[in-house]
C-alpha cells in the first residue's frame, strides 16, 4: 500500500536527491577567485573547468529511490533495494567529499584554498537518514505480517 510511512520516507529521500540539482556541493575560495563545485562540475564565472558526471549519478539515484516505493507488494525485495540504495548514497557522499578535495588540488594556489561545503553536500546525508527510517519501517511491516501469518 502506498499510504505507509516508509513511502513518505522514501519520497523525502528522493526529494533530497533531486534538490541536489538546485544547490552547490561546495564553494572553494582561492586568493584570486571563487570556484563553485556543483553537479555540473567545478566552475568559475559560469564556465566549467572540471566536468564530473554527477548529474547522471544523482538522477539515477533519485529514480532508483522512487522505484523502491513501487515495490510495496514485495516487502523483502523492497528491503533489499533499500539496503542497496543506502549503500549507493553512502558511496555518493564519499565520492563527493573526495571529488571536492581533488578538485581543490587541481586549482592554481590550491594549497591556499579554503573549502566550505554547501547544502548540496549535506542533502545525501539527509537522504541516508530517510532511507534508514524507511528500511526500519519496512522491517516492522514484514515482522507484523509474519506474526499475523502465525496466528492463522
N, C-alpha and C. Protein backbone atom coordinates (compact mmCIF):
# COMPACT_ATOMS: atom_id res chain seq x y z
N UNK A 1 0.83 -1.18 0.00
CA UNK A 1 0.00 0.00 0.00
C UNK A 1 0.88 1.24 0.00
N UNK A 2 0.46 2.22 -0.74
CA UNK A 2 1.26 3.43 -0.88
C UNK A 2 1.09 4.39 0.30
N UNK A 3 0.15 4.15 1.19
CA UNK A 3 -0.07 5.09 2.28
C UNK A 3 0.75 4.74 3.53
N UNK A 4 1.73 3.91 3.41
CA UNK A 4 2.56 3.53 4.55
C UNK A 4 3.60 4.62 4.81
N UNK A 5 4.14 4.63 6.02
CA UNK A 5 5.09 5.66 6.42
C UNK A 5 6.40 5.56 5.63
N UNK A 6 6.78 4.33 5.26
CA UNK A 6 8.03 4.20 4.51
C UNK A 6 7.94 4.84 3.14
N UNK A 7 6.74 4.93 2.60
CA UNK A 7 6.57 5.62 1.32
C UNK A 7 6.91 7.10 1.47
N UNK A 8 6.49 7.68 2.58
CA UNK A 8 6.81 9.09 2.83
C UNK A 8 8.31 9.26 3.01
N UNK A 9 8.94 8.36 3.76
CA UNK A 9 10.39 8.45 3.96
C UNK A 9 11.14 8.31 2.64
N UNK A 10 10.72 7.37 1.81
CA UNK A 10 11.38 7.18 0.51
C UNK A 10 11.16 8.37 -0.40
N UNK A 11 9.97 8.95 -0.34
CA UNK A 11 9.69 10.14 -1.14
C UNK A 11 10.54 11.32 -0.67
N UNK A 12 10.69 11.48 0.64
CA UNK A 12 11.55 12.55 1.17
C UNK A 12 13.01 12.34 0.78
N UNK A 13 13.46 11.09 0.78
CA UNK A 13 14.83 10.80 0.35
C UNK A 13 15.01 11.14 -1.12
N UNK A 14 14.03 10.82 -1.92
CA UNK A 14 14.11 11.14 -3.35
C UNK A 14 14.10 12.65 -3.58
N UNK A 15 13.30 13.36 -2.83
CA UNK A 15 13.27 14.82 -2.94
C UNK A 15 14.62 15.41 -2.55
N UNK A 16 15.23 14.86 -1.50
CA UNK A 16 16.57 15.33 -1.10
C UNK A 16 17.57 15.15 -2.24
N UNK A 17 17.49 14.04 -2.91
CA UNK A 17 18.43 13.79 -4.01
C UNK A 17 18.14 14.72 -5.18
N UNK A 18 16.86 14.92 -5.51
CA UNK A 18 16.51 15.84 -6.59
C UNK A 18 16.94 17.27 -6.27
N UNK A 19 16.90 17.67 -5.00
CA UNK A 19 17.31 19.02 -4.61
C UNK A 19 18.82 19.25 -4.78
N UNK A 20 19.56 18.19 -4.95
CA UNK A 20 21.00 18.35 -5.17
C UNK A 20 21.28 19.09 -6.48
N UNK A 21 20.31 19.07 -7.40
CA UNK A 21 20.46 19.83 -8.64
C UNK A 21 20.36 21.33 -8.40
N UNK A 22 19.68 21.73 -7.34
CA UNK A 22 19.45 23.15 -7.08
C UNK A 22 20.55 23.81 -6.25
N UNK A 23 21.27 23.02 -5.46
CA UNK A 23 22.26 23.59 -4.56
C UNK A 23 23.67 23.13 -4.94
N UNK A 24 24.64 23.97 -4.62
CA UNK A 24 26.03 23.60 -4.89
C UNK A 24 26.55 22.70 -3.78
N UNK A 25 27.53 21.88 -4.12
CA UNK A 25 28.12 20.97 -3.15
C UNK A 25 29.12 21.69 -2.26
N UNK A 26 29.93 22.54 -2.87
CA UNK A 26 30.96 23.23 -2.11
C UNK A 26 31.34 24.52 -2.81
N UNK A 27 31.92 25.40 -2.03
CA UNK A 27 32.47 26.65 -2.56
C UNK A 27 33.93 26.69 -2.15
N UNK A 28 34.79 26.88 -3.13
CA UNK A 28 36.23 26.88 -2.86
C UNK A 28 36.74 28.31 -3.08
N UNK A 29 37.25 28.90 -2.03
CA UNK A 29 37.79 30.25 -2.11
C UNK A 29 39.30 30.19 -2.22
N UNK A 30 39.78 30.70 -3.35
CA UNK A 30 41.21 30.84 -3.55
C UNK A 30 41.49 32.34 -3.47
N UNK A 31 42.72 32.72 -3.28
CA UNK A 31 43.07 34.12 -3.10
C UNK A 31 42.53 34.98 -4.25
N UNK A 32 42.61 34.49 -5.47
CA UNK A 32 42.24 35.30 -6.63
C UNK A 32 40.77 35.20 -7.01
N UNK A 33 40.12 34.07 -6.81
CA UNK A 33 38.74 33.92 -7.24
C UNK A 33 38.00 32.88 -6.41
N UNK A 34 36.73 32.71 -6.75
CA UNK A 34 35.86 31.76 -6.05
C UNK A 34 35.36 30.71 -7.03
N UNK A 35 35.47 29.45 -6.66
CA UNK A 35 35.05 28.34 -7.51
C UNK A 35 33.85 27.67 -6.87
N UNK A 36 32.90 27.27 -7.71
CA UNK A 36 31.70 26.58 -7.24
C UNK A 36 31.76 25.14 -7.72
N UNK A 37 31.60 24.20 -6.78
CA UNK A 37 31.57 22.78 -7.11
C UNK A 37 30.12 22.32 -7.00
N UNK A 38 29.52 21.99 -8.14
CA UNK A 38 28.12 21.57 -8.17
C UNK A 38 27.99 20.30 -9.01
N UNK A 39 26.75 19.92 -9.33
CA UNK A 39 26.54 18.70 -10.11
C UNK A 39 27.12 18.82 -11.51
N UNK A 40 27.35 20.03 -11.98
CA UNK A 40 27.93 20.23 -13.31
C UNK A 40 29.45 20.07 -13.31
N UNK A 41 30.05 20.12 -12.16
CA UNK A 41 31.50 20.04 -12.05
C UNK A 41 32.02 21.26 -11.32
N UNK A 42 33.25 21.60 -11.58
CA UNK A 42 33.88 22.75 -10.96
C UNK A 42 33.77 23.91 -11.93
N UNK A 43 33.21 25.00 -11.47
CA UNK A 43 33.01 26.13 -12.38
C UNK A 43 33.46 27.43 -11.73
N UNK A 44 33.94 28.32 -12.58
CA UNK A 44 34.31 29.66 -12.16
C UNK A 44 33.70 30.62 -13.17
N UNK A 45 33.01 31.61 -12.67
CA UNK A 45 32.33 32.61 -13.51
C UNK A 45 31.40 31.96 -14.53
N UNK A 46 30.71 30.89 -14.15
CA UNK A 46 29.76 30.22 -15.04
C UNK A 46 30.38 29.29 -16.06
N UNK A 47 31.70 29.14 -16.07
CA UNK A 47 32.37 28.24 -17.03
C UNK A 47 32.90 27.02 -16.29
N UNK A 48 32.63 25.85 -16.86
CA UNK A 48 33.11 24.61 -16.25
C UNK A 48 34.60 24.44 -16.50
N UNK A 49 35.32 24.14 -15.42
CA UNK A 49 36.74 23.84 -15.54
C UNK A 49 36.95 22.33 -15.55
N UNK A 50 36.31 21.67 -14.61
CA UNK A 50 36.42 20.21 -14.49
C UNK A 50 35.01 19.65 -14.58
N UNK A 51 34.77 18.78 -15.54
CA UNK A 51 33.46 18.14 -15.68
C UNK A 51 33.47 16.79 -14.98
N UNK A 52 32.56 16.64 -14.03
CA UNK A 52 32.40 15.39 -13.31
C UNK A 52 30.94 14.98 -13.53
N UNK A 53 30.67 13.77 -13.97
CA UNK A 53 29.29 13.39 -14.34
C UNK A 53 28.38 13.11 -13.14
N UNK A 54 28.32 14.05 -12.19
CA UNK A 54 27.43 13.84 -11.05
C UNK A 54 25.97 13.98 -11.43
N UNK A 55 25.66 14.69 -12.50
CA UNK A 55 24.27 14.88 -12.91
C UNK A 55 23.62 13.53 -13.23
N UNK A 56 24.33 12.67 -13.90
CA UNK A 56 23.80 11.35 -14.26
C UNK A 56 23.65 10.48 -13.03
N UNK A 57 24.65 10.49 -12.18
CA UNK A 57 24.63 9.66 -10.97
C UNK A 57 23.49 10.08 -10.05
N UNK A 58 23.32 11.38 -9.87
CA UNK A 58 22.26 11.88 -9.00
C UNK A 58 20.88 11.54 -9.57
N UNK A 59 20.71 11.69 -10.86
CA UNK A 59 19.44 11.35 -11.49
C UNK A 59 19.10 9.87 -11.35
N UNK A 60 20.09 9.02 -11.54
CA UNK A 60 19.85 7.57 -11.40
C UNK A 60 19.49 7.21 -9.96
N UNK A 61 20.16 7.83 -8.99
CA UNK A 61 19.85 7.55 -7.59
C UNK A 61 18.44 8.00 -7.23
N UNK A 62 18.03 9.14 -7.74
CA UNK A 62 16.69 9.64 -7.45
C UNK A 62 15.63 8.73 -8.05
N UNK A 63 15.85 8.29 -9.27
CA UNK A 63 14.89 7.39 -9.92
C UNK A 63 14.87 6.03 -9.22
N UNK A 64 16.02 5.55 -8.79
CA UNK A 64 16.11 4.28 -8.08
C UNK A 64 15.34 4.35 -6.75
N UNK A 65 15.46 5.49 -6.07
CA UNK A 65 14.73 5.66 -4.81
C UNK A 65 13.23 5.70 -5.06
N UNK A 66 12.81 6.37 -6.12
CA UNK A 66 11.38 6.39 -6.47
C UNK A 66 10.89 5.00 -6.87
N UNK A 67 11.72 4.24 -7.56
CA UNK A 67 11.32 2.89 -7.97
C UNK A 67 11.15 1.98 -6.77
N UNK A 68 11.89 2.22 -5.70
CA UNK A 68 11.77 1.41 -4.49
C UNK A 68 10.39 1.56 -3.88
N UNK A 69 9.79 2.72 -4.03
CA UNK A 69 8.46 2.96 -3.47
C UNK A 69 7.44 1.97 -4.05
N UNK A 70 7.56 1.70 -5.33
CA UNK A 70 6.54 0.91 -6.02
C UNK A 70 6.71 -0.60 -5.86
N UNK A 71 7.60 -1.02 -5.00
CA UNK A 71 7.73 -2.45 -4.67
C UNK A 71 7.00 -2.77 -3.36
N UNK A 72 5.96 -2.00 -3.05
CA UNK A 72 5.28 -2.18 -1.78
C UNK A 72 4.61 -3.54 -1.65
N UNK A 73 4.35 -4.23 -2.74
CA UNK A 73 3.73 -5.55 -2.67
C UNK A 73 4.74 -6.64 -2.34
N UNK A 74 6.01 -6.35 -2.55
CA UNK A 74 7.08 -7.32 -2.29
C UNK A 74 8.05 -6.69 -1.29
N UNK A 75 7.70 -6.79 -0.01
CA UNK A 75 8.49 -6.15 1.04
C UNK A 75 9.92 -6.65 1.13
N UNK A 76 10.20 -7.95 0.99
CA UNK A 76 11.61 -8.36 1.04
C UNK A 76 12.44 -7.76 -0.09
N UNK A 77 11.88 -7.68 -1.29
CA UNK A 77 12.61 -7.04 -2.40
C UNK A 77 12.77 -5.54 -2.15
N UNK A 78 11.76 -4.93 -1.57
CA UNK A 78 11.84 -3.51 -1.25
C UNK A 78 12.93 -3.26 -0.21
N UNK A 79 13.04 -4.16 0.74
CA UNK A 79 14.07 -4.04 1.76
C UNK A 79 15.46 -4.21 1.17
N UNK A 80 15.63 -5.15 0.26
CA UNK A 80 16.92 -5.35 -0.40
C UNK A 80 17.30 -4.13 -1.24
N UNK A 81 16.32 -3.59 -1.97
CA UNK A 81 16.59 -2.39 -2.76
C UNK A 81 16.92 -1.21 -1.85
N UNK A 82 16.25 -1.15 -0.71
CA UNK A 82 16.53 -0.08 0.25
C UNK A 82 17.93 -0.16 0.81
N UNK A 83 18.40 -1.37 1.08
CA UNK A 83 19.77 -1.53 1.58
C UNK A 83 20.80 -1.15 0.52
N UNK A 84 20.54 -1.56 -0.71
CA UNK A 84 21.44 -1.17 -1.80
C UNK A 84 21.41 0.34 -2.02
N UNK A 85 20.24 0.92 -1.92
CA UNK A 85 20.08 2.35 -2.06
C UNK A 85 20.86 3.09 -0.97
N UNK A 86 20.78 2.57 0.24
CA UNK A 86 21.51 3.11 1.38
C UNK A 86 23.02 3.09 1.09
N UNK A 87 23.50 1.98 0.59
CA UNK A 87 24.92 1.84 0.26
C UNK A 87 25.33 2.79 -0.86
N UNK A 88 24.50 2.91 -1.89
CA UNK A 88 24.82 3.80 -3.01
C UNK A 88 24.88 5.26 -2.56
N UNK A 89 24.01 5.65 -1.64
CA UNK A 89 24.06 7.01 -1.13
C UNK A 89 25.32 7.25 -0.29
N UNK A 90 25.74 6.24 0.46
CA UNK A 90 26.99 6.37 1.21
C UNK A 90 28.18 6.54 0.26
N UNK A 91 28.17 5.77 -0.81
CA UNK A 91 29.23 5.90 -1.82
C UNK A 91 29.20 7.29 -2.45
N UNK A 92 28.01 7.83 -2.68
CA UNK A 92 27.89 9.17 -3.25
C UNK A 92 28.48 10.22 -2.32
N UNK A 93 28.21 10.12 -1.03
CA UNK A 93 28.75 11.08 -0.07
C UNK A 93 30.27 11.03 -0.05
N UNK A 94 30.82 9.82 -0.01
CA UNK A 94 32.28 9.67 0.00
C UNK A 94 32.89 10.20 -1.30
N UNK A 95 32.25 9.89 -2.42
CA UNK A 95 32.74 10.37 -3.72
C UNK A 95 32.68 11.88 -3.81
N UNK A 96 31.63 12.48 -3.30
CA UNK A 96 31.53 13.95 -3.29
C UNK A 96 32.66 14.56 -2.48
N UNK A 97 32.92 13.98 -1.33
CA UNK A 97 33.97 14.51 -0.46
C UNK A 97 35.33 14.43 -1.15
N UNK A 98 35.66 13.28 -1.69
CA UNK A 98 36.96 13.12 -2.33
C UNK A 98 37.06 13.90 -3.64
N UNK A 99 35.95 14.06 -4.35
CA UNK A 99 35.97 14.83 -5.59
C UNK A 99 36.19 16.31 -5.30
N UNK A 100 35.55 16.81 -4.25
CA UNK A 100 35.77 18.22 -3.88
C UNK A 100 37.21 18.44 -3.45
N UNK A 101 37.76 17.49 -2.74
CA UNK A 101 39.15 17.60 -2.31
C UNK A 101 40.10 17.53 -3.51
N UNK A 102 39.82 16.63 -4.45
CA UNK A 102 40.65 16.50 -5.65
C UNK A 102 40.52 17.73 -6.53
N UNK A 103 39.31 18.29 -6.62
CA UNK A 103 39.13 19.50 -7.42
C UNK A 103 39.88 20.67 -6.82
N UNK A 104 39.94 20.72 -5.52
CA UNK A 104 40.66 21.80 -4.85
C UNK A 104 42.15 21.71 -5.15
N UNK A 105 42.68 20.50 -5.25
CA UNK A 105 44.11 20.34 -5.53
C UNK A 105 44.46 20.71 -6.96
N UNK A 106 43.49 20.65 -7.89
CA UNK A 106 43.75 20.98 -9.28
C UNK A 106 43.79 22.48 -9.54
N UNK A 107 43.33 23.25 -8.57
CA UNK A 107 43.26 24.70 -8.75
C UNK A 107 44.63 25.35 -8.60
N UNK A 108 44.82 26.49 -9.26
CA UNK A 108 46.05 27.23 -9.01
C UNK A 108 46.02 27.76 -7.57
N UNK A 109 47.12 27.70 -6.90
CA UNK A 109 47.21 28.06 -5.48
C UNK A 109 46.26 27.22 -4.64
N UNK A 110 46.16 25.95 -4.98
CA UNK A 110 45.24 25.05 -4.30
C UNK A 110 45.57 24.85 -2.84
N UNK A 111 46.84 25.04 -2.48
CA UNK A 111 47.22 24.85 -1.09
C UNK A 111 46.68 25.99 -0.21
N UNK A 112 46.41 27.14 -0.82
CA UNK A 112 45.89 28.28 -0.08
C UNK A 112 44.37 28.36 -0.16
N UNK A 113 43.73 27.34 -0.70
CA UNK A 113 42.28 27.36 -0.89
C UNK A 113 41.56 26.99 0.40
N UNK A 114 40.40 27.59 0.56
CA UNK A 114 39.53 27.29 1.69
C UNK A 114 38.23 26.73 1.11
N UNK A 115 37.85 25.57 1.59
CA UNK A 115 36.63 24.92 1.08
C UNK A 115 35.53 25.02 2.14
N UNK A 116 34.35 25.37 1.69
CA UNK A 116 33.18 25.36 2.57
C UNK A 116 32.08 24.56 1.87
N UNK A 117 31.61 23.55 2.55
CA UNK A 117 30.61 22.66 1.96
C UNK A 117 29.24 23.33 2.01
N UNK A 118 28.50 23.14 0.92
CA UNK A 118 27.18 23.76 0.80
C UNK A 118 26.06 22.80 1.15
N UNK A 119 24.85 23.26 0.94
CA UNK A 119 23.65 22.48 1.25
C UNK A 119 23.60 21.21 0.41
N UNK A 120 24.04 21.29 -0.83
CA UNK A 120 24.01 20.14 -1.72
C UNK A 120 24.86 18.99 -1.24
N UNK A 121 25.88 19.28 -0.42
CA UNK A 121 26.72 18.22 0.12
C UNK A 121 26.01 17.46 1.23
N UNK A 122 25.16 18.17 1.98
CA UNK A 122 24.50 17.55 3.13
C UNK A 122 23.16 16.90 2.77
N UNK A 123 22.64 17.17 1.60
CA UNK A 123 21.37 16.56 1.19
C UNK A 123 21.44 15.04 1.08
N UNK A 124 22.51 14.44 0.53
CA UNK A 124 22.54 12.98 0.52
C UNK A 124 22.65 12.38 1.92
N UNK A 125 23.22 13.13 2.86
CA UNK A 125 23.27 12.65 4.24
C UNK A 125 21.86 12.61 4.82
N UNK A 126 21.06 13.63 4.52
CA UNK A 126 19.65 13.62 4.95
C UNK A 126 18.89 12.48 4.27
N UNK A 127 19.20 12.23 3.00
CA UNK A 127 18.56 11.13 2.29
C UNK A 127 18.91 9.79 2.93
N UNK A 128 20.14 9.64 3.40
CA UNK A 128 20.55 8.41 4.08
C UNK A 128 19.73 8.22 5.35
N UNK A 129 19.50 9.31 6.09
CA UNK A 129 18.68 9.21 7.30
C UNK A 129 17.26 8.77 6.96
N UNK A 130 16.68 9.34 5.89
CA UNK A 130 15.32 8.94 5.49
C UNK A 130 15.29 7.49 5.01
N UNK A 131 16.34 7.06 4.32
CA UNK A 131 16.40 5.66 3.87
C UNK A 131 16.51 4.71 5.06
N UNK A 132 17.25 5.11 6.07
CA UNK A 132 17.35 4.30 7.28
C UNK A 132 15.98 4.15 7.94
N UNK A 133 15.25 5.26 8.06
CA UNK A 133 13.91 5.20 8.65
C UNK A 133 12.95 4.36 7.81
N UNK A 134 13.07 4.47 6.49
CA UNK A 134 12.21 3.68 5.61
C UNK A 134 12.49 2.20 5.76
N UNK A 135 13.76 1.83 5.79
CA UNK A 135 14.10 0.41 5.95
C UNK A 135 13.63 -0.12 7.29
N UNK A 136 13.72 0.70 8.31
CA UNK A 136 13.23 0.28 9.63
C UNK A 136 11.72 0.05 9.61
N UNK A 137 10.98 0.91 8.92
CA UNK A 137 9.53 0.75 8.82
C UNK A 137 9.15 -0.47 7.98
N UNK A 138 9.92 -0.74 6.93
CA UNK A 138 9.67 -1.92 6.10
C UNK A 138 9.89 -3.19 6.93
N UNK A 139 10.95 -3.20 7.73
CA UNK A 139 11.21 -4.36 8.60
C UNK A 139 10.07 -4.56 9.59
N UNK A 140 9.56 -3.47 10.14
CA UNK A 140 8.45 -3.57 11.10
C UNK A 140 7.20 -4.13 10.42
N UNK A 141 6.92 -3.69 9.20
CA UNK A 141 5.77 -4.23 8.46
C UNK A 141 5.94 -5.72 8.18
N UNK A 142 7.12 -6.11 7.79
CA UNK A 142 7.38 -7.52 7.49
C UNK A 142 7.23 -8.36 8.76
N UNK A 143 7.71 -7.85 9.87
CA UNK A 143 7.57 -8.56 11.14
C UNK A 143 6.10 -8.70 11.53
N UNK A 144 5.31 -7.65 11.32
CA UNK A 144 3.89 -7.69 11.62
C UNK A 144 3.16 -8.70 10.76
N UNK A 145 3.47 -8.74 9.48
CA UNK A 145 2.82 -9.69 8.57
C UNK A 145 3.18 -11.12 8.95
N UNK A 146 4.44 -11.37 9.30
CA UNK A 146 4.84 -12.71 9.71
C UNK A 146 4.14 -13.14 10.99
N UNK A 147 3.97 -12.22 11.93
CA UNK A 147 3.29 -12.57 13.18
C UNK A 147 1.81 -12.86 12.94
N UNK A 148 1.20 -12.15 12.02
CA UNK A 148 -0.20 -12.42 11.70
C UNK A 148 -0.39 -13.74 10.98
N UNK A 149 0.59 -14.12 10.17
CA UNK A 149 0.51 -15.41 9.48
C UNK A 149 0.65 -16.56 10.44
N UNK A 150 1.36 -16.37 11.53
CA UNK A 150 1.48 -17.44 12.52
C UNK A 150 0.16 -17.67 13.24
N UNK A 151 -0.63 -16.63 13.38
CA UNK A 151 -1.91 -16.76 14.08
C UNK A 151 -2.94 -17.52 13.28
N UNK A 152 -2.79 -17.58 11.97
CA UNK A 152 -3.78 -18.27 11.14
C UNK A 152 -3.76 -19.73 11.34
